[in-house]
């Protein structure tokens, strides 16, 4: 078994992949992102990562709410 380990500076959201993830996956990714953001707090990379994380969460939440019957 092997795994790819991504370091904070090596990781960026793939905007296409954001469209294909569910709310649970987005929350899981956000928790990991927030941990890494806190480790690099105050840097430009942390600020950018936080903005990407927020955008991903907003998009997935919006799609989840719009896609739910009775919620619009």
PDB file of N, CA and C in Angstrom:
ATOM      1  N   UNK A   1       0.846  -1.157   0.000  1.00  0.00           N
ATOM      2  CA  UNK A   1       0.000   0.000   0.000  1.00  0.00           C
ATOM      3  C   UNK A   1       0.901   1.232   0.000  1.00  0.00           C
ATOM      4  N   UNK A   2       0.513   2.249  -0.750  1.00  0.00           N
ATOM      5  CA  UNK A   2       1.281   3.488  -0.768  1.00  0.00           C
ATOM      6  C   UNK A   2       0.318   4.669  -0.748  1.00  0.00           C
ATOM      7  N   UNK A   3       0.841   5.805  -0.373  1.00  0.00           N
ATOM      8  CA  UNK A   3       0.015   7.013  -0.302  1.00  0.00           C
ATOM      9  C   UNK A   3       0.844   8.195  -0.759  1.00  0.00           C
ATOM     10  N   UNK A   4       0.183   9.131  -1.400  1.00  0.00           N
ATOM     11  CA  UNK A   4       0.828  10.387  -1.759  1.00  0.00           C
ATOM     12  C   UNK A   4       0.629  11.350  -0.608  1.00  0.00           C
ATOM     13  N   UNK A   5       1.720  11.883  -0.084  1.00  0.00           N
ATOM     14  CA  UNK A   5       1.632  12.848   0.999  1.00  0.00           C
ATOM     15  C   UNK A   5       1.886  14.222   0.408  1.00  0.00           C
ATOM     16  N   UNK A   6       0.907  15.101   0.551  1.00  0.00           N
ATOM     17  CA  UNK A   6       1.010  16.447   0.002  1.00  0.00           C
ATOM     18  C   UNK A   6       1.387  17.421   1.093  1.00  0.00           C
ATOM     19  N   UNK A   7       2.393  18.206   0.835  1.00  0.00           N
ATOM     20  CA  UNK A   7       2.760  19.263   1.766  1.00  0.00           C
ATOM     21  C   UNK A   7       1.952  20.499   1.443  1.00  0.00           C
ATOM     22  N   UNK A   8       1.765  21.364   2.415  1.00  0.00           N
ATOM     23  CA  UNK A   8       0.952  22.569   2.275  1.00  0.00           C
ATOM     24  C   UNK A   8       1.302  23.327   0.995  1.00  0.00           C
ATOM     25  N   UNK A   9       2.554  23.561   0.745  1.00  0.00           N
ATOM     26  CA  UNK A   9       2.953  24.367  -0.406  1.00  0.00           C
ATOM     27  C   UNK A   9       2.737  23.640  -1.731  1.00  0.00           C
ATOM     28  N   UNK A  10       2.551  22.321  -1.695  1.00  0.00           N
ATOM     29  CA  UNK A  10       2.374  21.542  -2.919  1.00  0.00           C
ATOM     30  C   UNK A  10       0.913  21.360  -3.317  1.00  0.00           C
ATOM     31  N   UNK A  11      -0.007  21.714  -2.445  1.00  0.00           N
ATOM     32  CA  UNK A  11      -1.408  21.375  -2.655  1.00  0.00           C
ATOM     33  C   UNK A  11      -2.215  22.588  -3.100  1.00  0.00           C
ATOM     34  N   UNK A  12      -3.019  22.403  -4.109  1.00  0.00           N
ATOM     35  CA  UNK A  12      -3.953  23.440  -4.559  1.00  0.00           C
ATOM     36  C   UNK A  12      -5.247  22.756  -4.965  1.00  0.00           C
ATOM     37  N   UNK A  13      -6.352  23.419  -4.731  1.00  0.00           N
ATOM     38  CA  UNK A  13      -7.636  22.848  -5.118  1.00  0.00           C
ATOM     39  C   UNK A  13      -7.747  22.768  -6.624  1.00  0.00           C
ATOM     40  N   UNK A  14      -8.296  21.705  -7.091  1.00  0.00           N
ATOM     41  CA  UNK A  14      -8.616  21.553  -8.497  1.00  0.00           C
ATOM     42  C   UNK A  14     -10.066  21.984  -8.655  1.00  0.00           C
ATOM     43  N   UNK A  15     -10.284  23.089  -9.330  1.00  0.00           N
ATOM     44  CA  UNK A  15     -11.640  23.646  -9.429  1.00  0.00           C
ATOM     45  C   UNK A  15     -12.615  22.659 -10.076  1.00  0.00           C
ATOM     46  N   UNK A  16     -12.144  21.836 -10.992  1.00  0.00           N
ATOM     47  CA  UNK A  16     -13.020  20.831 -11.599  1.00  0.00           C
ATOM     48  C   UNK A  16     -13.442  19.811 -10.552  1.00  0.00           C
ATOM     49  N   UNK A  17     -12.511  19.384  -9.726  1.00  0.00           N
ATOM     50  CA  UNK A  17     -12.820  18.384  -8.714  1.00  0.00           C
ATOM     51  C   UNK A  17     -13.825  18.917  -7.702  1.00  0.00           C
ATOM     52  N   UNK A  18     -13.799  20.236  -7.414  1.00  0.00           N
ATOM     53  CA  UNK A  18     -14.748  20.824  -6.473  1.00  0.00           C
ATOM     54  C   UNK A  18     -16.186  20.570  -6.911  1.00  0.00           C
ATOM     55  N   UNK A  19     -16.424  20.568  -8.223  1.00  0.00           N
ATOM     56  CA  UNK A  19     -17.771  20.370  -8.738  1.00  0.00           C
ATOM     57  C   UNK A  19     -18.264  18.947  -8.531  1.00  0.00           C
ATOM     58  N   UNK A  20     -17.367  18.027  -8.247  1.00  0.00           N
ATOM     59  CA  UNK A  20     -17.716  16.620  -8.181  1.00  0.00           C
ATOM     60  C   UNK A  20     -17.700  16.057  -6.762  1.00  0.00           C
ATOM     61  N   UNK A  21     -17.491  16.897  -5.756  1.00  0.00           N
ATOM     62  CA  UNK A  21     -17.433  16.388  -4.392  1.00  0.00           C
ATOM     63  C   UNK A  21     -18.715  16.707  -3.644  1.00  0.00           C
ATOM     64  N   UNK A  22     -19.029  15.888  -2.666  1.00  0.00           N
ATOM     65  CA  UNK A  22     -20.211  16.092  -1.848  1.00  0.00           C
ATOM     66  C   UNK A  22     -19.895  16.936  -0.623  1.00  0.00           C
ATOM     67  N   UNK A  23     -20.936  17.261   0.102  1.00  0.00           N
ATOM     68  CA  UNK A  23     -20.803  18.103   1.281  1.00  0.00           C
ATOM     69  C   UNK A  23     -19.917  17.450   2.341  1.00  0.00           C
ATOM     70  N   UNK A  24     -20.081  16.160   2.571  1.00  0.00           N
ATOM     71  CA  UNK A  24     -19.269  15.480   3.585  1.00  0.00           C
ATOM     72  C   UNK A  24     -17.789  15.503   3.222  1.00  0.00           C
ATOM     73  N   UNK A  25     -17.476  15.270   1.963  1.00  0.00           N
ATOM     74  CA  UNK A  25     -16.088  15.304   1.518  1.00  0.00           C
ATOM     75  C   UNK A  25     -15.516  16.708   1.643  1.00  0.00           C
ATOM     76  N   UNK A  26     -16.326  17.718   1.314  1.00  0.00           N
ATOM     77  CA  UNK A  26     -15.879  19.107   1.418  1.00  0.00           C
ATOM     78  C   UNK A  26     -15.569  19.481   2.865  1.00  0.00           C
ATOM     79  N   UNK A  27     -16.402  19.049   3.787  1.00  0.00           N
ATOM     80  CA  UNK A  27     -16.161  19.351   5.201  1.00  0.00           C
ATOM     81  C   UNK A  27     -14.890  18.641   5.664  1.00  0.00           C
ATOM     82  N   UNK A  28     -14.711  17.403   5.263  1.00  0.00           N
ATOM     83  CA  UNK A  28     -13.502  16.667   5.625  1.00  0.00           C
ATOM     84  C   UNK A  28     -12.260  17.378   5.092  1.00  0.00           C
ATOM     85  N   UNK A  29     -12.296  17.800   3.839  1.00  0.00           N
ATOM     86  CA  UNK A  29     -11.163  18.523   3.247  1.00  0.00           C
ATOM     87  C   UNK A  29     -10.929  19.843   3.967  1.00  0.00           C
ATOM     88  N   UNK A  30     -11.999  20.540   4.331  1.00  0.00           N
ATOM     89  CA  UNK A  30     -11.868  21.830   5.014  1.00  0.00           C
ATOM     90  C   UNK A  30     -11.217  21.673   6.384  1.00  0.00           C
ATOM     91  N   UNK A  31     -11.553  20.619   7.082  1.00  0.00           N
ATOM     92  CA  UNK A  31     -10.941  20.372   8.398  1.00  0.00           C
ATOM     93  C   UNK A  31      -9.432  20.191   8.237  1.00  0.00           C
ATOM     94  N   UNK A  32      -9.023  19.409   7.257  1.00  0.00           N
ATOM     95  CA  UNK A  32      -7.591  19.217   7.010  1.00  0.00           C
ATOM     96  C   UNK A  32      -6.930  20.514   6.569  1.00  0.00           C
ATOM     97  N   UNK A  33      -7.611  21.265   5.703  1.00  0.00           N
ATOM     98  CA  UNK A  33      -7.073  22.548   5.249  1.00  0.00           C
ATOM     99  C   UNK A  33      -6.882  23.505   6.417  1.00  0.00           C
ATOM    100  N   UNK A  34      -7.861  23.593   7.290  1.00  0.00           N
ATOM    101  CA  UNK A  34      -7.765  24.508   8.426  1.00  0.00           C
ATOM    102  C   UNK A  34      -6.594  24.145   9.336  1.00  0.00           C
ATOM    103  N   UNK A  35      -6.354  22.866   9.510  1.00  0.00           N
ATOM    104  CA  UNK A  35      -5.201  22.442  10.312  1.00  0.00           C
ATOM    105  C   UNK A  35      -3.902  22.959   9.683  1.00  0.00           C
ATOM    106  N   UNK A  36      -3.768  22.784   8.371  1.00  0.00           N
ATOM    107  CA  UNK A  36      -2.566  23.239   7.681  1.00  0.00           C
ATOM    108  C   UNK A  36      -2.473  24.762   7.653  1.00  0.00           C
ATOM    109  N   UNK A  37      -3.600  25.447   7.521  1.00  0.00           N
ATOM    110  CA  UNK A  37      -3.611  26.909   7.538  1.00  0.00           C
ATOM    111  C   UNK A  37      -3.095  27.414   8.880  1.00  0.00           C
ATOM    112  N   UNK A  38      -3.531  26.792   9.956  1.00  0.00           N
ATOM    113  CA  UNK A  38      -3.077  27.212  11.282  1.00  0.00           C
ATOM    114  C   UNK A  38      -1.574  27.023  11.462  1.00  0.00           C
ATOM    115  N   UNK A  39      -1.020  25.990  10.836  1.00  0.00           N
ATOM    116  CA  UNK A  39       0.421  25.756  10.923  1.00  0.00           C
ATOM    117  C   UNK A  39       1.221  26.847  10.216  1.00  0.00           C
ATOM    118  N   UNK A  40       0.625  27.490   9.220  1.00  0.00           N
ATOM    119  CA  UNK A  40       1.312  28.528   8.429  1.00  0.00           C
ATOM    120  C   UNK A  40       0.654  29.890   8.613  1.00  0.00           C
ATOM    121  N   UNK A  41      -0.019  30.073   9.731  1.00  0.00           N
ATOM    122  CA  UNK A  41      -0.802  31.286   9.989  1.00  0.00           C
ATOM    123  C   UNK A  41       0.021  32.547   9.734  1.00  0.00           C
ATOM    124  N   UNK A  42      -0.589  33.523   9.085  1.00  0.00           N
ATOM    125  CA  UNK A  42       0.054  34.805   8.851  1.00  0.00           C
ATOM    126  C   UNK A  42       0.815  34.896   7.540  1.00  0.00           C
ATOM    127  N   UNK A  43       0.881  33.806   6.803  1.00  0.00           N
ATOM    128  CA  UNK A  43       1.597  33.826   5.524  1.00  0.00           C
ATOM    129  C   UNK A  43       0.618  34.060   4.378  1.00  0.00           C
ATOM    130  N   UNK A  44       1.145  34.465   3.257  1.00  0.00           N
ATOM    131  CA  UNK A  44       0.328  34.654   2.053  1.00  0.00           C
ATOM    132  C   UNK A  44      -0.271  33.319   1.601  1.00  0.00           C
ATOM    133  N   UNK A  45       0.505  32.257   1.733  1.00  0.00           N
ATOM    134  CA  UNK A  45       0.012  30.928   1.346  1.00  0.00           C
ATOM    135  C   UNK A  45      -1.192  30.525   2.196  1.00  0.00           C
ATOM    136  N   UNK A  46      -1.148  30.824   3.493  1.00  0.00           N
ATOM    137  CA  UNK A  46      -2.277  30.494   4.374  1.00  0.00           C
ATOM    138  C   UNK A  46      -3.511  31.299   3.997  1.00  0.00           C
ATOM    139  N   UNK A  47      -3.331  32.579   3.686  1.00  0.00           N
ATOM    140  CA  UNK A  47      -4.461  33.414   3.295  1.00  0.00           C
ATOM    141  C   UNK A  47      -5.097  32.887   2.007  1.00  0.00           C
ATOM    142  N   UNK A  48      -4.268  32.547   1.042  1.00  0.00           N
ATOM    143  CA  UNK A  48      -4.775  32.030  -0.225  1.00  0.00           C
ATOM    144  C   UNK A  48      -5.493  30.696  -0.012  1.00  0.00           C
ATOM    145  N   UNK A  49      -4.910  29.843   0.794  1.00  0.00           N
ATOM    146  CA  UNK A  49      -5.512  28.535   1.073  1.00  0.00           C
ATOM    147  C   UNK A  49      -6.864  28.701   1.756  1.00  0.00           C
ATOM    148  N   UNK A  50      -6.955  29.674   2.689  1.00  0.00           N
ATOM    149  CA  UNK A  50      -8.225  29.932   3.380  1.00  0.00           C
ATOM    150  C   UNK A  50      -9.285  30.406   2.387  1.00  0.00           C
ATOM    151  N   UNK A  51      -8.899  31.261   1.447  1.00  0.00           N
ATOM    152  CA  UNK A  51      -9.854  31.734   0.435  1.00  0.00           C
ATOM    153  C   UNK A  51     -10.330  30.586  -0.452  1.00  0.00           C
ATOM    154  N   UNK A  52      -9.414  29.701  -0.848  1.00  0.00           N
ATOM    155  CA  UNK A  52      -9.786  28.538  -1.662  1.00  0.00           C
ATOM    156  C   UNK A  52     -10.732  27.619  -0.892  1.00  0.00           C
ATOM    157  N   UNK A  53     -10.444  27.423   0.382  1.00  0.00           N
ATOM    158  CA  UNK A  53     -11.265  26.572   1.231  1.00  0.00           C
ATOM    159  C   UNK A  53     -12.674  27.151   1.356  1.00  0.00           C
ATOM    160  N   UNK A  54     -12.750  28.445   1.596  1.00  0.00           N
ATOM    161  CA  UNK A  54     -14.060  29.103   1.705  1.00  0.00           C
ATOM    162  C   UNK A  54     -14.846  28.978   0.409  1.00  0.00           C
ATOM    163  N   UNK A  55     -14.202  29.213  -0.724  1.00  0.00           N
ATOM    164  CA  UNK A  55     -14.872  29.111  -2.017  1.00  0.00           C
ATOM    165  C   UNK A  55     -15.402  27.701  -2.246  1.00  0.00           C
ATOM    166  N   UNK A  56     -14.589  26.692  -1.933  1.00  0.00           N
ATOM    167  CA  UNK A  56     -15.015  25.307  -2.100  1.00  0.00           C
ATOM    168  C   UNK A  56     -16.235  25.001  -1.237  1.00  0.00           C
ATOM    169  N   UNK A  57     -16.184  25.415   0.041  1.00  0.00           N
ATOM    170  CA  UNK A  57     -17.303  25.147   0.945  1.00  0.00           C
ATOM    171  C   UNK A  57     -18.570  25.858   0.499  1.00  0.00           C
ATOM    172  N   UNK A  58     -18.449  27.110   0.079  1.00  0.00           N
ATOM    173  CA  UNK A  58     -19.627  27.855  -0.391  1.00  0.00           C
ATOM    174  C   UNK A  58     -20.253  27.188  -1.609  1.00  0.00           C
ATOM    175  N   UNK A  59     -19.403  26.772  -2.554  1.00  0.00           N
ATOM    176  CA  UNK A  59     -19.907  26.160  -3.785  1.00  0.00           C
ATOM    177  C   UNK A  59     -20.616  24.833  -3.491  1.00  0.00           C
ATOM    178  N   UNK A  60     -19.994  23.986  -2.682  1.00  0.00           N
ATOM    179  CA  UNK A  60     -20.574  22.681  -2.383  1.00  0.00           C
ATOM    180  C   UNK A  60     -21.848  22.835  -1.560  1.00  0.00           C
ATOM    181  N   UNK A  61     -21.860  23.745  -0.590  1.00  0.00           N
ATOM    182  CA  UNK A  61     -23.062  23.971   0.205  1.00  0.00           C
ATOM    183  C   UNK A  61     -24.189  24.492  -0.668  1.00  0.00           C
ATOM    184  N   UNK A  62     -23.882  25.434  -1.535  1.00  0.00           N
ATOM    185  CA  UNK A  62     -24.903  25.981  -2.442  1.00  0.00           C
ATOM    186  C   UNK A  62     -25.490  24.889  -3.328  1.00  0.00           C
ATOM    187  N   UNK A  63     -24.628  24.048  -3.884  1.00  0.00           N
ATOM    188  CA  UNK A  63     -25.100  22.954  -4.740  1.00  0.00           C
ATOM    189  C   UNK A  63     -25.918  21.945  -3.940  1.00  0.00           C
ATOM    190  N   UNK A  64     -25.535  21.705  -2.702  1.00  0.00           N
ATOM    191  CA  UNK A  64     -26.271  20.758  -1.866  1.00  0.00           C
ATOM    192  C   UNK A  64     -27.655  21.281  -1.518  1.00  0.00           C
ATOM    193  N   UNK A  65     -27.739  22.565  -1.221  1.00  0.00           N
ATOM    194  CA  UNK A  65     -29.024  23.176  -0.853  1.00  0.00           C
ATOM    195  C   UNK A  65     -29.923  23.278  -2.071  1.00  0.00           C
ATOM    196  N   UNK A  66     -29.392  23.716  -3.188  1.00  0.00           N
ATOM    197  CA  UNK A  66     -30.191  23.840  -4.418  1.00  0.00           C
ATOM    198  C   UNK A  66     -30.652  22.469  -4.897  1.00  0.00           C
ATOM    199  N   UNK A  67     -29.816  21.455  -4.715  1.00  0.00           N
ATOM    200  CA  UNK A  67     -30.148  20.112  -5.158  1.00  0.00           C
ATOM    201  C   UNK A  67     -31.099  19.370  -4.223  1.00  0.00           C
ATOM    202  N   UNK A  68     -31.434  19.947  -3.060  1.00  0.00           N
ATOM    203  CA  UNK A  68     -32.305  19.302  -2.092  1.00  0.00           C
ATOM    204  C   UNK A  68     -33.753  19.685  -2.392  1.00  0.00           C
ATOM    205  N   UNK A  69     -34.644  18.712  -2.594  1.00  0.00           N
ATOM    206  CA  UNK A  69     -36.055  19.038  -2.857  1.00  0.00           C
ATOM    207  C   UNK A  69     -36.647  19.897  -1.750  1.00  0.00           C
ATOM    208  N   UNK A  70     -37.362  20.928  -2.144  1.00  0.00           N
ATOM    209  CA  UNK A  70     -38.034  21.794  -1.175  1.00  0.00           C
ATOM    210  C   UNK A  70     -37.167  22.945  -0.656  1.00  0.00           C
ATOM    211  N   UNK A  71     -35.883  22.955  -0.997  1.00  0.00           N
ATOM    212  CA  UNK A  71     -35.002  24.034  -0.555  1.00  0.00           C
ATOM    213  C   UNK A  71     -34.496  24.794  -1.760  1.00  0.00           C
ATOM    214  N   UNK A  72     -34.888  25.989  -1.892  1.00  0.00           N
ATOM    215  CA  UNK A  72     -34.398  26.868  -2.979  1.00  0.00           C
ATOM    216  C   UNK A  72     -34.369  28.278  -2.502  1.00  0.00           C
TER     217      UNK A  72
END
